[in-house]
Amino acid sequence: MRKIISTLLVAFMLTGTGLAQKFAFVDTEYILQNIPSYNAAQEELNKMSEQWEAEIAGHYEEIEKMYKTYQSERVLLTEEMRTKREEEIISKEREVKDLQHQYFGPEGDLFKKREELVKPIQDALYKAVKEMSAEGGYAVIFDSASGASILYSNPRYDLSDEVLKKLGYKN
């Protein structure tokens, strides 16, 4: 509560001394949804993800079949054969988990592809907002897509369409 009061007090003091700053907001979600290359990149990422998920699910089904077969034949197998089958199942599970990590891990193929396809678009968006901030004399431009920090925003100060225009897109 003290933080809010002190922030408001500083804002009123700056306004009273003629040092008022201009603020605006943009909705990055809205902007990105209106960029065709971003939507195409998202579709490509979704297709890759679905394909890899299906591949991994297929491997898990195969492991499940191996395990059920092992369970049904277990009583007929020697100790050595049981150990060998168990090791095969465990090895296969390890392979699938490694594949899953390769595709979906923090530095996995999906992450790398997202960096390749989406990051340049996000960088261009950031550059456009930064340029607009300098051109318009804005001290701060908020992102209303995150929503957590903005309780109310007047649409008059929404620069999302201007950012789209600066990027060369029309809504």
N, C-alpha and C. Protein backbone atom coordinates (compact mmCIF):
# COMPACT_ATOMS: atom_id res chain seq x y z
N MET A 1 0.83 -1.18 0.00
CA MET A 1 0.00 0.00 0.00
C MET A 1 0.88 1.25 0.00
N ARG A 2 1.95 1.23 0.79
CA ARG A 2 2.85 2.37 0.84
C ARG A 2 3.48 2.63 -0.54
N LYS A 3 3.80 1.54 -1.22
CA LYS A 3 4.42 1.64 -2.53
C LYS A 3 3.49 2.35 -3.52
N ILE A 4 2.22 2.00 -3.49
CA ILE A 4 1.24 2.60 -4.38
C ILE A 4 1.09 4.09 -4.07
N ILE A 5 0.97 4.41 -2.79
CA ILE A 5 0.81 5.81 -2.38
C ILE A 5 2.04 6.62 -2.77
N SER A 6 3.24 6.07 -2.54
CA SER A 6 4.45 6.82 -2.89
C SER A 6 4.58 6.98 -4.39
N THR A 7 4.18 5.99 -5.17
CA THR A 7 4.21 6.09 -6.63
C THR A 7 3.26 7.17 -7.10
N LEU A 8 2.06 7.19 -6.55
CA LEU A 8 1.08 8.22 -6.92
C LEU A 8 1.57 9.61 -6.52
N LEU A 9 2.17 9.72 -5.35
CA LEU A 9 2.69 11.00 -4.89
C LEU A 9 3.78 11.52 -5.82
N VAL A 10 4.70 10.67 -6.22
CA VAL A 10 5.76 11.06 -7.15
C VAL A 10 5.16 11.48 -8.49
N ALA A 11 4.16 10.74 -8.96
CA ALA A 11 3.51 11.07 -10.24
C ALA A 11 2.85 12.45 -10.16
N PHE A 12 2.16 12.74 -9.06
CA PHE A 12 1.52 14.05 -8.89
C PHE A 12 2.56 15.16 -8.79
N MET A 13 3.65 14.89 -8.10
CA MET A 13 4.69 15.89 -7.97
C MET A 13 5.32 16.21 -9.32
N LEU A 14 5.59 15.18 -10.12
CA LEU A 14 6.17 15.39 -11.44
C LEU A 14 5.21 16.16 -12.34
N THR A 15 3.94 15.85 -12.24
CA THR A 15 2.93 16.54 -13.04
C THR A 15 2.87 18.01 -12.64
N GLY A 16 2.94 18.28 -11.37
CA GLY A 16 2.85 19.64 -10.87
C GLY A 16 4.07 20.47 -11.22
N THR A 17 5.24 19.85 -11.38
CA THR A 17 6.45 20.60 -11.67
C THR A 17 6.72 20.73 -13.16
N GLY A 18 5.81 20.26 -13.98
CA GLY A 18 5.99 20.39 -15.42
C GLY A 18 6.87 19.29 -16.00
N LEU A 19 7.21 18.31 -15.22
CA LEU A 19 8.04 17.21 -15.71
C LEU A 19 7.21 15.98 -16.04
N ALA A 20 5.95 16.20 -16.35
CA ALA A 20 5.06 15.08 -16.63
C ALA A 20 5.58 14.28 -17.82
N GLN A 21 5.47 13.00 -17.73
CA GLN A 21 5.93 12.10 -18.77
C GLN A 21 4.74 11.54 -19.53
N LYS A 22 4.96 11.24 -20.80
CA LYS A 22 3.90 10.65 -21.61
C LYS A 22 3.99 9.13 -21.50
N PHE A 23 2.81 8.53 -21.39
CA PHE A 23 2.72 7.08 -21.30
C PHE A 23 1.79 6.59 -22.39
N ALA A 24 2.01 5.38 -22.86
CA ALA A 24 1.13 4.76 -23.85
C ALA A 24 1.17 3.26 -23.61
N PHE A 25 0.36 2.55 -24.35
CA PHE A 25 0.40 1.11 -24.26
C PHE A 25 0.19 0.49 -25.63
N VAL A 26 0.66 -0.74 -25.78
CA VAL A 26 0.43 -1.52 -26.98
C VAL A 26 -0.01 -2.91 -26.54
N ASP A 27 -0.67 -3.60 -27.41
CA ASP A 27 -1.09 -4.98 -27.15
C ASP A 27 -0.30 -5.87 -28.10
N THR A 28 0.80 -6.44 -27.60
CA THR A 28 1.67 -7.22 -28.47
C THR A 28 0.97 -8.46 -29.02
N GLU A 29 0.06 -9.03 -28.24
CA GLU A 29 -0.70 -10.18 -28.74
C GLU A 29 -1.52 -9.79 -29.97
N TYR A 30 -2.21 -8.68 -29.88
CA TYR A 30 -3.01 -8.16 -30.98
C TYR A 30 -2.13 -7.87 -32.20
N ILE A 31 -0.99 -7.24 -31.97
CA ILE A 31 -0.09 -6.90 -33.06
C ILE A 31 0.41 -8.18 -33.74
N LEU A 32 0.88 -9.13 -32.96
CA LEU A 32 1.41 -10.36 -33.54
C LEU A 32 0.34 -11.14 -34.30
N GLN A 33 -0.89 -11.14 -33.79
CA GLN A 33 -1.97 -11.86 -34.48
C GLN A 33 -2.32 -11.22 -35.82
N ASN A 34 -1.92 -9.97 -36.03
CA ASN A 34 -2.19 -9.27 -37.28
C ASN A 34 -0.98 -9.26 -38.22
N ILE A 35 0.02 -10.04 -37.91
CA ILE A 35 1.20 -10.18 -38.78
C ILE A 35 1.15 -11.57 -39.40
N PRO A 36 0.91 -11.66 -40.71
CA PRO A 36 0.77 -12.95 -41.38
C PRO A 36 1.97 -13.89 -41.19
N SER A 37 3.18 -13.35 -41.22
CA SER A 37 4.36 -14.21 -41.06
C SER A 37 4.42 -14.83 -39.67
N TYR A 38 3.92 -14.11 -38.67
CA TYR A 38 3.88 -14.66 -37.32
C TYR A 38 2.88 -15.82 -37.24
N ASN A 39 1.71 -15.61 -37.84
CA ASN A 39 0.70 -16.67 -37.85
C ASN A 39 1.19 -17.90 -38.60
N ALA A 40 1.90 -17.68 -39.72
CA ALA A 40 2.46 -18.81 -40.48
C ALA A 40 3.51 -19.54 -39.65
N ALA A 41 4.33 -18.79 -38.94
CA ALA A 41 5.36 -19.40 -38.08
C ALA A 41 4.71 -20.22 -36.98
N GLN A 42 3.66 -19.68 -36.36
CA GLN A 42 2.96 -20.41 -35.30
C GLN A 42 2.35 -21.71 -35.84
N GLU A 43 1.76 -21.64 -37.04
CA GLU A 43 1.18 -22.85 -37.64
C GLU A 43 2.26 -23.90 -37.89
N GLU A 44 3.38 -23.46 -38.41
CA GLU A 44 4.48 -24.39 -38.68
C GLU A 44 4.97 -25.03 -37.38
N LEU A 45 5.12 -24.22 -36.34
CA LEU A 45 5.56 -24.75 -35.05
C LEU A 45 4.53 -25.74 -34.48
N ASN A 46 3.25 -25.42 -34.61
CA ASN A 46 2.20 -26.32 -34.13
C ASN A 46 2.22 -27.65 -34.88
N LYS A 47 2.41 -27.61 -36.20
CA LYS A 47 2.48 -28.84 -36.99
C LYS A 47 3.66 -29.69 -36.57
N MET A 48 4.82 -29.06 -36.40
CA MET A 48 6.00 -29.80 -35.97
C MET A 48 5.77 -30.44 -34.61
N SER A 49 5.21 -29.66 -33.70
CA SER A 49 4.96 -30.14 -32.35
C SER A 49 4.00 -31.34 -32.37
N GLU A 50 2.91 -31.23 -33.12
CA GLU A 50 1.94 -32.33 -33.21
C GLU A 50 2.58 -33.58 -33.81
N GLN A 51 3.40 -33.39 -34.84
CA GLN A 51 4.07 -34.52 -35.49
C GLN A 51 5.00 -35.22 -34.50
N TRP A 52 5.77 -34.44 -33.77
CA TRP A 52 6.70 -35.02 -32.80
C TRP A 52 5.96 -35.68 -31.65
N GLU A 53 4.86 -35.06 -31.19
CA GLU A 53 4.07 -35.66 -30.11
C GLU A 53 3.50 -37.00 -30.55
N ALA A 54 3.03 -37.08 -31.80
CA ALA A 54 2.49 -38.34 -32.33
C ALA A 54 3.59 -39.40 -32.41
N GLU A 55 4.77 -38.98 -32.84
CA GLU A 55 5.90 -39.91 -32.93
C GLU A 55 6.25 -40.47 -31.55
N ILE A 56 6.30 -39.61 -30.58
CA ILE A 56 6.65 -40.03 -29.21
C ILE A 56 5.55 -40.92 -28.64
N ALA A 57 4.29 -40.56 -28.89
CA ALA A 57 3.18 -41.39 -28.41
C ALA A 57 3.26 -42.79 -29.03
N GLY A 58 3.63 -42.86 -30.31
CA GLY A 58 3.79 -44.16 -30.97
C GLY A 58 4.87 -45.00 -30.31
N HIS A 59 5.96 -44.36 -29.94
CA HIS A 59 7.03 -45.08 -29.25
C HIS A 59 6.57 -45.57 -27.88
N TYR A 60 5.81 -44.75 -27.17
CA TYR A 60 5.30 -45.18 -25.86
C TYR A 60 4.31 -46.33 -25.99
N GLU A 61 3.51 -46.34 -27.04
CA GLU A 61 2.61 -47.46 -27.29
C GLU A 61 3.41 -48.74 -27.55
N GLU A 62 4.48 -48.60 -28.30
CA GLU A 62 5.36 -49.74 -28.57
C GLU A 62 5.97 -50.28 -27.28
N ILE A 63 6.38 -49.38 -26.41
CA ILE A 63 6.94 -49.79 -25.12
C ILE A 63 5.87 -50.50 -24.29
N GLU A 64 4.65 -49.98 -24.32
CA GLU A 64 3.55 -50.59 -23.58
C GLU A 64 3.28 -52.02 -24.08
N LYS A 65 3.32 -52.20 -25.39
CA LYS A 65 3.14 -53.56 -25.97
C LYS A 65 4.27 -54.48 -25.54
N MET A 66 5.50 -53.95 -25.57
CA MET A 66 6.64 -54.76 -25.13
C MET A 66 6.45 -55.19 -23.68
N TYR A 67 5.99 -54.29 -22.84
CA TYR A 67 5.81 -54.58 -21.43
C TYR A 67 4.69 -55.61 -21.22
N LYS A 68 3.58 -55.45 -21.94
CA LYS A 68 2.48 -56.42 -21.80
C LYS A 68 2.89 -57.80 -22.27
N THR A 69 3.63 -57.84 -23.36
CA THR A 69 4.13 -59.13 -23.85
C THR A 69 5.06 -59.76 -22.82
N TYR A 70 5.92 -58.95 -22.27
CA TYR A 70 6.84 -59.42 -21.24
C TYR A 70 6.07 -59.96 -20.04
N GLN A 71 5.03 -59.24 -19.60
CA GLN A 71 4.24 -59.67 -18.45
C GLN A 71 3.57 -61.02 -18.71
N SER A 72 3.05 -61.19 -19.91
CA SER A 72 2.35 -62.44 -20.22
C SER A 72 3.30 -63.62 -20.37
N GLU A 73 4.52 -63.37 -20.80
CA GLU A 73 5.49 -64.45 -21.03
C GLU A 73 6.47 -64.62 -19.86
N ARG A 74 6.38 -63.78 -18.90
CA ARG A 74 7.35 -63.74 -17.81
C ARG A 74 7.53 -65.09 -17.11
N VAL A 75 6.44 -65.76 -16.84
CA VAL A 75 6.53 -67.03 -16.11
C VAL A 75 7.24 -68.12 -16.91
N LEU A 76 7.25 -67.96 -18.22
CA LEU A 76 7.88 -68.96 -19.08
C LEU A 76 9.36 -68.67 -19.36
N LEU A 77 9.82 -67.50 -18.98
CA LEU A 77 11.19 -67.09 -19.29
C LEU A 77 12.15 -67.45 -18.17
N THR A 78 13.38 -67.70 -18.56
CA THR A 78 14.43 -67.94 -17.56
C THR A 78 14.81 -66.59 -16.96
N GLU A 79 15.54 -66.66 -15.85
CA GLU A 79 15.98 -65.43 -15.18
C GLU A 79 16.80 -64.55 -16.12
N GLU A 80 17.66 -65.18 -16.89
CA GLU A 80 18.51 -64.45 -17.84
C GLU A 80 17.67 -63.77 -18.92
N MET A 81 16.66 -64.47 -19.43
CA MET A 81 15.79 -63.91 -20.47
C MET A 81 14.94 -62.77 -19.92
N ARG A 82 14.47 -62.90 -18.68
CA ARG A 82 13.69 -61.83 -18.05
C ARG A 82 14.53 -60.58 -17.91
N THR A 83 15.74 -60.73 -17.43
CA THR A 83 16.64 -59.60 -17.26
C THR A 83 16.90 -58.92 -18.61
N LYS A 84 17.11 -59.72 -19.63
CA LYS A 84 17.37 -59.17 -20.96
C LYS A 84 16.16 -58.36 -21.46
N ARG A 85 14.97 -58.90 -21.31
CA ARG A 85 13.75 -58.20 -21.75
C ARG A 85 13.53 -56.92 -20.95
N GLU A 86 13.75 -56.98 -19.65
CA GLU A 86 13.59 -55.79 -18.81
C GLU A 86 14.56 -54.69 -19.25
N GLU A 87 15.79 -55.09 -19.54
CA GLU A 87 16.79 -54.13 -20.00
C GLU A 87 16.39 -53.53 -21.35
N GLU A 88 15.81 -54.34 -22.23
CA GLU A 88 15.34 -53.83 -23.53
C GLU A 88 14.25 -52.78 -23.34
N ILE A 89 13.31 -53.07 -22.45
CA ILE A 89 12.22 -52.13 -22.19
C ILE A 89 12.76 -50.83 -21.59
N ILE A 90 13.63 -50.95 -20.61
CA ILE A 90 14.22 -49.78 -19.96
C ILE A 90 15.04 -48.96 -20.97
N SER A 91 15.78 -49.65 -21.81
CA SER A 91 16.58 -48.98 -22.83
C SER A 91 15.69 -48.22 -23.81
N LYS A 92 14.61 -48.86 -24.21
CA LYS A 92 13.67 -48.21 -25.14
C LYS A 92 13.04 -46.98 -24.50
N GLU A 93 12.65 -47.08 -23.23
CA GLU A 93 12.09 -45.93 -22.51
C GLU A 93 13.09 -44.78 -22.45
N ARG A 94 14.36 -45.11 -22.18
CA ARG A 94 15.40 -44.10 -22.12
C ARG A 94 15.56 -43.40 -23.48
N GLU A 95 15.53 -44.19 -24.56
CA GLU A 95 15.65 -43.62 -25.91
C GLU A 95 14.51 -42.64 -26.20
N VAL A 96 13.30 -43.04 -25.82
CA VAL A 96 12.14 -42.19 -26.08
C VAL A 96 12.21 -40.92 -25.24
N LYS A 97 12.63 -41.02 -24.02
CA LYS A 97 12.77 -39.83 -23.17
C LYS A 97 13.85 -38.90 -23.73
N ASP A 98 14.94 -39.47 -24.23
CA ASP A 98 15.98 -38.65 -24.85
C ASP A 98 15.45 -37.96 -26.10
N LEU A 99 14.66 -38.68 -26.89
CA LEU A 99 14.06 -38.10 -28.09
C LEU A 99 13.10 -36.96 -27.71
N GLN A 100 12.32 -37.20 -26.68
CA GLN A 100 11.38 -36.19 -26.19
C GLN A 100 12.15 -34.94 -25.74
N HIS A 101 13.24 -35.14 -25.05
CA HIS A 101 14.06 -34.01 -24.61
C HIS A 101 14.70 -33.30 -25.81
N GLN A 102 15.11 -34.07 -26.81
CA GLN A 102 15.71 -33.49 -28.01
C GLN A 102 14.70 -32.60 -28.73
N TYR A 103 13.44 -33.01 -28.78
CA TYR A 103 12.41 -32.24 -29.46
C TYR A 103 11.89 -31.07 -28.61
N PHE A 104 11.58 -31.35 -27.35
CA PHE A 104 10.85 -30.39 -26.52
C PHE A 104 11.64 -29.81 -25.35
N GLY A 105 12.89 -30.16 -25.21
CA GLY A 105 13.70 -29.67 -24.09
C GLY A 105 13.99 -28.18 -24.20
N PRO A 106 14.57 -27.61 -23.14
CA PRO A 106 14.86 -26.17 -23.11
C PRO A 106 15.73 -25.70 -24.28
N GLU A 107 16.59 -26.52 -24.77
CA GLU A 107 17.43 -26.19 -25.93
C GLU A 107 17.11 -27.14 -27.09
N GLY A 108 15.88 -27.66 -27.09
CA GLY A 108 15.48 -28.64 -28.08
C GLY A 108 15.16 -28.06 -29.45
N ASP A 109 14.80 -28.95 -30.35
CA ASP A 109 14.52 -28.58 -31.73
C ASP A 109 13.37 -27.57 -31.85
N LEU A 110 12.33 -27.74 -31.04
CA LEU A 110 11.20 -26.82 -31.10
C LEU A 110 11.62 -25.42 -30.64
N PHE A 111 12.40 -25.35 -29.60
CA PHE A 111 12.91 -24.07 -29.11
C PHE A 111 13.75 -23.38 -30.18
N LYS A 112 14.64 -24.15 -30.82
CA LYS A 112 15.51 -23.59 -31.85
C LYS A 112 14.69 -23.11 -33.05
N LYS A 113 13.69 -23.88 -33.43
CA LYS A 113 12.85 -23.48 -34.57
C LYS A 113 12.05 -22.23 -34.21
N ARG A 114 11.57 -22.15 -32.99
CA ARG A 114 10.83 -20.96 -32.54
C ARG A 114 11.75 -19.74 -32.58
N GLU A 115 12.98 -19.90 -32.13
CA GLU A 115 13.95 -18.81 -32.20
C GLU A 115 14.17 -18.37 -33.65
N GLU A 116 14.26 -19.34 -34.54
CA GLU A 116 14.50 -19.05 -35.96
C GLU A 116 13.32 -18.33 -36.61
N LEU A 117 12.10 -18.75 -36.29
CA LEU A 117 10.92 -18.21 -36.96
C LEU A 117 10.30 -17.00 -36.27
N VAL A 118 10.22 -17.01 -34.96
CA VAL A 118 9.45 -15.99 -34.24
C VAL A 118 10.32 -14.84 -33.72
N LYS A 119 11.53 -15.13 -33.31
CA LYS A 119 12.38 -14.09 -32.72
C LYS A 119 12.59 -12.90 -33.65
N PRO A 120 12.86 -13.08 -34.94
CA PRO A 120 13.02 -11.90 -35.81
C PRO A 120 11.77 -11.01 -35.85
N ILE A 121 10.61 -11.60 -35.78
CA ILE A 121 9.35 -10.84 -35.78
C ILE A 121 9.23 -10.07 -34.48
N GLN A 122 9.53 -10.72 -33.37
CA GLN A 122 9.47 -10.06 -32.07
C GLN A 122 10.50 -8.94 -31.96
N ASP A 123 11.68 -9.16 -32.54
CA ASP A 123 12.71 -8.12 -32.54
C ASP A 123 12.25 -6.90 -33.34
N ALA A 124 11.63 -7.14 -34.50
CA ALA A 124 11.12 -6.04 -35.32
C ALA A 124 10.04 -5.27 -34.56
N LEU A 125 9.18 -5.99 -33.86
CA LEU A 125 8.13 -5.36 -33.05
C LEU A 125 8.75 -4.48 -31.97
N TYR A 126 9.72 -5.01 -31.27
CA TYR A 126 10.39 -4.24 -30.22
C TYR A 126 11.06 -2.99 -30.79
N LYS A 127 11.72 -3.15 -31.94
CA LYS A 127 12.39 -2.01 -32.58
C LYS A 127 11.37 -0.93 -32.96
N ALA A 128 10.22 -1.34 -33.51
CA ALA A 128 9.18 -0.38 -33.90
C ALA A 128 8.64 0.36 -32.68
N VAL A 129 8.41 -0.35 -31.59
CA VAL A 129 7.91 0.28 -30.37
C VAL A 129 8.95 1.26 -29.82
N LYS A 130 10.20 0.86 -29.85
CA LYS A 130 11.27 1.72 -29.36
C LYS A 130 11.37 3.00 -30.21
N GLU A 131 11.27 2.86 -31.54
CA GLU A 131 11.31 4.02 -32.42
C GLU A 131 10.11 4.94 -32.16
N MET A 132 8.93 4.34 -31.99
CA MET A 132 7.73 5.14 -31.71
C MET A 132 7.85 5.87 -30.38
N SER A 133 8.49 5.23 -29.43
CA SER A 133 8.69 5.86 -28.14
C SER A 133 9.56 7.11 -28.29
N ALA A 134 10.61 6.97 -29.09
CA ALA A 134 11.49 8.12 -29.31
C ALA A 134 10.78 9.22 -30.10
N GLU A 135 10.06 8.83 -31.15
CA GLU A 135 9.36 9.79 -32.00
C GLU A 135 8.25 10.52 -31.24
N GLY A 136 7.53 9.80 -30.42
CA GLY A 136 6.39 10.38 -29.71
C GLY A 136 6.74 10.98 -28.36
N GLY A 137 7.97 10.80 -27.94
CA GLY A 137 8.38 11.35 -26.66
C GLY A 137 7.77 10.61 -25.47
N TYR A 138 7.51 9.33 -25.62
CA TYR A 138 6.93 8.55 -24.54
C TYR A 138 8.01 8.09 -23.57
N ALA A 139 7.75 8.27 -22.30
CA ALA A 139 8.68 7.80 -21.28
C ALA A 139 8.53 6.30 -21.09
N VAL A 140 7.30 5.82 -21.17
CA VAL A 140 7.02 4.40 -20.95
C VAL A 140 5.92 3.97 -21.91
N ILE A 141 6.12 2.79 -22.49
CA ILE A 141 5.05 2.15 -23.28
C ILE A 141 4.82 0.79 -22.64
N PHE A 142 3.62 0.60 -22.13
CA PHE A 142 3.25 -0.65 -21.48
C PHE A 142 2.76 -1.66 -22.50
N ASP A 143 2.84 -2.93 -22.13
CA ASP A 143 2.28 -4.00 -22.95
C ASP A 143 1.01 -4.48 -22.26
N SER A 144 -0.15 -4.20 -22.85
CA SER A 144 -1.41 -4.59 -22.22
C SER A 144 -1.70 -6.07 -22.41
N ALA A 145 -0.91 -6.77 -23.24
CA ALA A 145 -1.13 -8.21 -23.41
C ALA A 145 -0.81 -8.96 -22.12
N SER A 146 0.17 -8.47 -21.36
CA SER A 146 0.49 -9.13 -20.09
C SER A 146 -0.60 -8.86 -19.07
N GLY A 147 -1.22 -7.68 -19.18
CA GLY A 147 -2.43 -7.37 -18.42
C GLY A 147 -2.28 -7.26 -16.92
N ALA A 148 -1.27 -7.84 -16.32
CA ALA A 148 -1.20 -7.88 -14.87
C ALA A 148 -0.99 -6.51 -14.25
N SER A 149 -0.35 -5.59 -14.97
CA SER A 149 -0.02 -4.33 -14.35
C SER A 149 -0.94 -3.17 -14.75
N ILE A 150 -1.84 -3.39 -15.67
CA ILE A 150 -2.72 -2.31 -16.11
C ILE A 150 -4.15 -2.61 -15.67
N LEU A 151 -4.70 -1.75 -14.85
CA LEU A 151 -6.08 -1.92 -14.41
C LEU A 151 -7.06 -1.29 -15.38
N TYR A 152 -6.66 -0.18 -15.95
CA TYR A 152 -7.50 0.51 -16.93
C TYR A 152 -6.59 1.17 -17.95
N SER A 153 -7.01 1.14 -19.19
CA SER A 153 -6.26 1.84 -20.23
C SER A 153 -7.24 2.49 -21.19
N ASN A 154 -7.02 3.75 -21.44
CA ASN A 154 -7.85 4.50 -22.37
C ASN A 154 -7.43 4.12 -23.79
N PRO A 155 -8.37 3.69 -24.62
CA PRO A 155 -8.04 3.28 -25.99
C PRO A 155 -7.36 4.40 -26.79
N ARG A 156 -7.54 5.62 -26.37
CA ARG A 156 -6.92 6.76 -27.04
C ARG A 156 -5.40 6.64 -27.04
N TYR A 157 -4.83 6.00 -26.03
CA TYR A 157 -3.38 5.88 -25.92
C TYR A 157 -2.85 4.54 -26.41
N ASP A 158 -3.70 3.74 -27.05
CA ASP A 158 -3.28 2.45 -27.58
C ASP A 158 -2.57 2.67 -28.91
N LEU A 159 -1.31 2.32 -28.96
CA LEU A 159 -0.50 2.52 -30.16
C LEU A 159 -0.35 1.25 -30.99
N SER A 160 -1.13 0.23 -30.71
CA SER A 160 -0.98 -1.06 -31.39
C SER A 160 -1.13 -0.93 -32.90
N ASP A 161 -2.16 -0.22 -33.37
CA ASP A 161 -2.35 -0.06 -34.81
C ASP A 161 -1.21 0.74 -35.44
N GLU A 162 -0.68 1.72 -34.73
CA GLU A 162 0.43 2.50 -35.25
C GLU A 162 1.69 1.63 -35.37
N VAL A 163 1.89 0.72 -34.41
CA VAL A 163 3.03 -0.20 -34.49
C VAL A 163 2.88 -1.10 -35.71
N LEU A 164 1.66 -1.60 -35.93
CA LEU A 164 1.42 -2.42 -37.12
C LEU A 164 1.74 -1.63 -38.39
N LYS A 165 1.31 -0.39 -38.46
CA LYS A 165 1.61 0.45 -39.63
C LYS A 165 3.11 0.64 -39.80
N LYS A 166 3.80 0.87 -38.70
CA LYS A 166 5.25 1.06 -38.74
C LYS A 166 5.95 -0.20 -39.24
N LEU A 167 5.40 -1.35 -38.92
CA LEU A 167 5.95 -2.62 -39.38
C LEU A 167 5.55 -2.93 -40.83
N GLY A 168 4.63 -2.12 -41.37
CA GLY A 168 4.22 -2.31 -42.76
C GLY A 168 2.99 -3.17 -42.94
N TYR A 169 2.19 -3.33 -41.90
CA TYR A 169 0.97 -4.14 -41.97
C TYR A 169 -0.23 -3.26 -41.75
N LYS A 170 -1.34 -3.69 -42.34
CA LYS A 170 -2.60 -2.97 -42.13
C LYS A 170 -3.56 -3.91 -41.44
N ASN A 171 -4.40 -3.35 -40.58
CA ASN A 171 -5.40 -4.16 -39.90
C ASN A 171 -6.70 -4.05 -40.68
